[in-house]
Amino acid sequence: MMRENVTINMDRGVDARPAAMLVQVANRYDSNLYMQIENKKVNLKSIMGVMTLVLDRGTEVVIEANGGDEEQAISGVGAFLKGIEQ
């Protein structure tokens, strides 16, 4: 299992469209992926879970991956949230 703290650096944060794109990025990987803010943890492969979070620019989240490609999964999801990959 790997974990990484990521600060969201997308101009408008993660509203409906970027949330759907985030779920698509997460689904590229075989690993189980989760995002945690304070005491709330959601499955990153679930649009309903992601939509329950308030993900504004500057919000710090913890990304957790567990599986065979966890390093690539953390890197890919982290790049998306940092605004590097769109």
N, C-alpha and C. Protein backbone atom coordinates (compact mmCIF):
# COMPACT_ATOMS: atom_id res chain seq x y z
N MET A 1 0.85 -1.18 0.00
CA MET A 1 0.00 0.00 0.00
C MET A 1 0.89 1.24 0.00
N MET A 2 0.52 2.20 -0.83
CA MET A 2 1.22 3.48 -0.90
C MET A 2 0.24 4.61 -0.62
N ARG A 3 0.77 5.66 -0.03
CA ARG A 3 -0.03 6.86 0.25
C ARG A 3 0.79 8.08 -0.14
N GLU A 4 0.09 9.10 -0.62
CA GLU A 4 0.76 10.36 -0.95
C GLU A 4 -0.18 11.52 -0.68
N ASN A 5 0.35 12.56 -0.07
CA ASN A 5 -0.40 13.80 0.12
C ASN A 5 -0.30 14.61 -1.17
N VAL A 6 -1.42 15.12 -1.62
CA VAL A 6 -1.48 15.91 -2.86
C VAL A 6 -2.32 17.15 -2.59
N THR A 7 -1.85 18.28 -3.09
CA THR A 7 -2.62 19.51 -3.02
C THR A 7 -3.24 19.75 -4.38
N ILE A 8 -4.56 19.93 -4.41
CA ILE A 8 -5.28 20.14 -5.67
C ILE A 8 -4.88 21.49 -6.24
N ASN A 9 -4.45 21.47 -7.49
CA ASN A 9 -3.96 22.69 -8.13
C ASN A 9 -4.70 22.96 -9.43
N MET A 10 -5.92 22.50 -9.54
CA MET A 10 -6.72 22.75 -10.73
C MET A 10 -7.44 24.08 -10.53
N ASP A 11 -7.52 24.88 -11.59
CA ASP A 11 -8.07 26.23 -11.49
C ASP A 11 -9.40 26.30 -10.75
N ARG A 12 -10.35 25.45 -11.13
CA ARG A 12 -11.69 25.49 -10.52
C ARG A 12 -11.89 24.37 -9.51
N GLY A 13 -10.84 23.71 -9.11
CA GLY A 13 -11.00 22.57 -8.22
C GLY A 13 -11.56 21.40 -9.00
N VAL A 14 -12.23 20.52 -8.31
CA VAL A 14 -12.80 19.33 -8.95
C VAL A 14 -14.31 19.39 -8.81
N ASP A 15 -14.96 19.97 -9.85
CA ASP A 15 -16.42 19.97 -9.88
C ASP A 15 -16.88 18.78 -10.73
N ALA A 16 -18.07 18.80 -11.28
CA ALA A 16 -18.65 17.63 -11.93
C ALA A 16 -17.80 17.07 -13.07
N ARG A 17 -17.42 17.89 -14.02
CA ARG A 17 -16.68 17.38 -15.18
C ARG A 17 -15.30 16.86 -14.78
N PRO A 18 -14.49 17.62 -14.03
CA PRO A 18 -13.21 17.08 -13.60
C PRO A 18 -13.35 15.84 -12.70
N ALA A 19 -14.42 15.76 -11.93
CA ALA A 19 -14.64 14.57 -11.10
C ALA A 19 -14.81 13.34 -11.98
N ALA A 20 -15.57 13.48 -13.05
CA ALA A 20 -15.76 12.36 -13.98
C ALA A 20 -14.43 11.99 -14.63
N MET A 21 -13.64 12.99 -14.98
CA MET A 21 -12.33 12.73 -15.57
C MET A 21 -11.39 12.07 -14.56
N LEU A 22 -11.47 12.47 -13.30
CA LEU A 22 -10.66 11.86 -12.25
C LEU A 22 -10.99 10.38 -12.11
N VAL A 23 -12.27 10.04 -12.14
CA VAL A 23 -12.69 8.64 -12.05
C VAL A 23 -12.15 7.86 -13.26
N GLN A 24 -12.16 8.48 -14.44
CA GLN A 24 -11.61 7.82 -15.62
C GLN A 24 -10.12 7.56 -15.46
N VAL A 25 -9.39 8.53 -14.93
CA VAL A 25 -7.96 8.34 -14.68
C VAL A 25 -7.76 7.20 -13.70
N ALA A 26 -8.51 7.18 -12.62
CA ALA A 26 -8.38 6.13 -11.61
C ALA A 26 -8.66 4.74 -12.19
N ASN A 27 -9.61 4.66 -13.11
CA ASN A 27 -9.98 3.38 -13.69
C ASN A 27 -8.97 2.85 -14.70
N ARG A 28 -7.95 3.62 -15.01
CA ARG A 28 -6.86 3.13 -15.87
C ARG A 28 -5.99 2.11 -15.15
N TYR A 29 -6.10 2.08 -13.84
CA TYR A 29 -5.20 1.27 -13.01
C TYR A 29 -5.94 0.11 -12.37
N ASP A 30 -5.21 -0.98 -12.16
CA ASP A 30 -5.79 -2.15 -11.51
C ASP A 30 -5.87 -1.99 -9.99
N SER A 31 -5.01 -1.17 -9.44
CA SER A 31 -4.97 -0.98 -7.98
C SER A 31 -6.27 -0.40 -7.46
N ASN A 32 -6.57 -0.70 -6.21
CA ASN A 32 -7.67 -0.04 -5.51
C ASN A 32 -7.17 1.35 -5.15
N LEU A 33 -7.97 2.37 -5.45
CA LEU A 33 -7.57 3.76 -5.20
C LEU A 33 -8.60 4.46 -4.33
N TYR A 34 -8.09 5.17 -3.33
CA TYR A 34 -8.96 5.90 -2.41
C TYR A 34 -8.42 7.31 -2.22
N MET A 35 -9.32 8.24 -1.91
CA MET A 35 -8.95 9.60 -1.58
C MET A 35 -9.52 9.90 -0.20
N GLN A 36 -8.71 10.53 0.63
CA GLN A 36 -9.15 10.86 1.98
C GLN A 36 -8.94 12.33 2.26
N ILE A 37 -9.97 12.95 2.84
CA ILE A 37 -9.90 14.32 3.34
C ILE A 37 -10.39 14.23 4.78
N GLU A 38 -9.51 14.62 5.70
CA GLU A 38 -9.80 14.52 7.13
C GLU A 38 -10.26 13.10 7.44
N ASN A 39 -11.50 12.90 7.88
CA ASN A 39 -11.93 11.55 8.26
C ASN A 39 -12.85 10.92 7.21
N LYS A 40 -12.95 11.50 6.02
CA LYS A 40 -13.81 10.96 4.97
C LYS A 40 -12.94 10.33 3.89
N LYS A 41 -13.19 9.05 3.59
CA LYS A 41 -12.42 8.29 2.62
C LYS A 41 -13.38 7.72 1.58
N VAL A 42 -13.06 7.96 0.28
CA VAL A 42 -13.93 7.48 -0.79
C VAL A 42 -13.12 6.70 -1.83
N ASN A 43 -13.82 5.85 -2.55
CA ASN A 43 -13.24 5.09 -3.64
C ASN A 43 -13.10 6.02 -4.85
N LEU A 44 -11.89 6.16 -5.39
CA LEU A 44 -11.67 7.05 -6.52
C LEU A 44 -12.23 6.50 -7.82
N LYS A 45 -12.66 5.25 -7.83
CA LYS A 45 -13.25 4.67 -9.03
C LYS A 45 -14.77 4.82 -9.03
N SER A 46 -15.29 5.52 -8.04
CA SER A 46 -16.73 5.73 -7.90
C SER A 46 -17.07 7.20 -8.07
N ILE A 47 -17.81 7.54 -9.12
CA ILE A 47 -18.18 8.94 -9.33
C ILE A 47 -19.04 9.45 -8.18
N MET A 48 -19.89 8.61 -7.65
CA MET A 48 -20.74 9.03 -6.53
C MET A 48 -19.89 9.36 -5.30
N GLY A 49 -18.88 8.56 -5.04
CA GLY A 49 -17.99 8.84 -3.91
C GLY A 49 -17.24 10.14 -4.08
N VAL A 50 -16.66 10.33 -5.26
CA VAL A 50 -15.88 11.54 -5.52
C VAL A 50 -16.76 12.77 -5.44
N MET A 51 -17.98 12.69 -5.94
CA MET A 51 -18.88 13.84 -5.93
C MET A 51 -19.31 14.25 -4.51
N THR A 52 -19.12 13.39 -3.53
CA THR A 52 -19.49 13.75 -2.16
C THR A 52 -18.44 14.63 -1.48
N LEU A 53 -17.28 14.77 -2.11
CA LEU A 53 -16.20 15.56 -1.53
C LEU A 53 -16.21 16.99 -2.07
N VAL A 54 -15.77 17.92 -1.25
CA VAL A 54 -15.56 19.30 -1.69
C VAL A 54 -14.08 19.42 -2.00
N LEU A 55 -13.76 19.51 -3.29
CA LEU A 55 -12.37 19.49 -3.73
C LEU A 55 -12.02 20.80 -4.41
N ASP A 56 -11.80 21.84 -3.62
CA ASP A 56 -11.44 23.15 -4.14
C ASP A 56 -9.93 23.23 -4.35
N ARG A 57 -9.54 24.18 -5.17
CA ARG A 57 -8.11 24.42 -5.37
C ARG A 57 -7.47 24.73 -4.02
N GLY A 58 -6.32 24.11 -3.77
CA GLY A 58 -5.60 24.31 -2.51
C GLY A 58 -5.94 23.28 -1.45
N THR A 59 -6.96 22.46 -1.69
CA THR A 59 -7.33 21.41 -0.74
C THR A 59 -6.27 20.32 -0.74
N GLU A 60 -5.83 19.92 0.43
CA GLU A 60 -4.87 18.82 0.53
C GLU A 60 -5.62 17.52 0.79
N VAL A 61 -5.30 16.51 0.00
CA VAL A 61 -5.94 15.20 0.12
C VAL A 61 -4.86 14.14 0.23
N VAL A 62 -5.26 12.97 0.70
CA VAL A 62 -4.37 11.81 0.73
C VAL A 62 -4.87 10.82 -0.31
N ILE A 63 -3.98 10.43 -1.21
CA ILE A 63 -4.29 9.40 -2.21
C ILE A 63 -3.67 8.11 -1.72
N GLU A 64 -4.46 7.04 -1.74
CA GLU A 64 -4.00 5.73 -1.28
C GLU A 64 -4.23 4.73 -2.40
N ALA A 65 -3.21 3.92 -2.67
CA ALA A 65 -3.32 2.88 -3.70
C ALA A 65 -2.83 1.57 -3.12
N ASN A 66 -3.51 0.50 -3.52
CA ASN A 66 -3.14 -0.83 -3.07
C ASN A 66 -3.30 -1.79 -4.24
N GLY A 67 -2.18 -2.31 -4.75
CA GLY A 67 -2.24 -3.24 -5.86
C GLY A 67 -0.93 -3.30 -6.61
N GLY A 68 -0.92 -4.03 -7.70
CA GLY A 68 0.29 -4.26 -8.47
C GLY A 68 0.85 -3.04 -9.17
N ASP A 69 0.01 -2.08 -9.49
CA ASP A 69 0.48 -0.87 -10.17
C ASP A 69 0.27 0.38 -9.31
N GLU A 70 0.40 0.20 -8.00
CA GLU A 70 0.08 1.30 -7.08
C GLU A 70 0.97 2.52 -7.29
N GLU A 71 2.24 2.31 -7.62
CA GLU A 71 3.14 3.45 -7.82
C GLU A 71 2.70 4.28 -9.03
N GLN A 72 2.37 3.61 -10.13
CA GLN A 72 1.89 4.31 -11.32
C GLN A 72 0.54 4.96 -11.06
N ALA A 73 -0.32 4.30 -10.30
CA ALA A 73 -1.65 4.84 -9.98
C ALA A 73 -1.53 6.13 -9.16
N ILE A 74 -0.69 6.11 -8.15
CA ILE A 74 -0.48 7.31 -7.33
C ILE A 74 0.07 8.44 -8.20
N SER A 75 1.02 8.11 -9.04
CA SER A 75 1.63 9.11 -9.91
C SER A 75 0.61 9.70 -10.88
N GLY A 76 -0.20 8.86 -11.52
CA GLY A 76 -1.19 9.31 -12.49
C GLY A 76 -2.29 10.16 -11.88
N VAL A 77 -2.83 9.70 -10.77
CA VAL A 77 -3.90 10.45 -10.10
C VAL A 77 -3.33 11.76 -9.53
N GLY A 78 -2.14 11.68 -8.96
CA GLY A 78 -1.50 12.88 -8.41
C GLY A 78 -1.26 13.92 -9.49
N ALA A 79 -0.79 13.50 -10.66
CA ALA A 79 -0.55 14.42 -11.76
C ALA A 79 -1.85 15.09 -12.20
N PHE A 80 -2.94 14.33 -12.25
CA PHE A 80 -4.23 14.91 -12.63
C PHE A 80 -4.66 15.97 -11.63
N LEU A 81 -4.58 15.66 -10.35
CA LEU A 81 -5.01 16.60 -9.30
C LEU A 81 -4.13 17.84 -9.22
N LYS A 82 -2.87 17.69 -9.58
CA LYS A 82 -1.96 18.83 -9.57
C LYS A 82 -2.13 19.69 -10.82
N GLY A 83 -2.99 19.24 -11.74
CA GLY A 83 -3.21 20.01 -12.96
C GLY A 83 -2.18 19.76 -14.03
N ILE A 84 -1.35 18.73 -13.85
CA ILE A 84 -0.29 18.42 -14.82
C ILE A 84 -0.88 17.66 -16.01
N GLU A 85 -1.77 16.72 -15.72
CA GLU A 85 -2.42 15.94 -16.78
C GLU A 85 -3.89 16.30 -16.80
N GLN A 86 -4.41 16.66 -17.95
CA GLN A 86 -5.83 17.03 -18.04
C GLN A 86 -6.56 16.16 -19.00
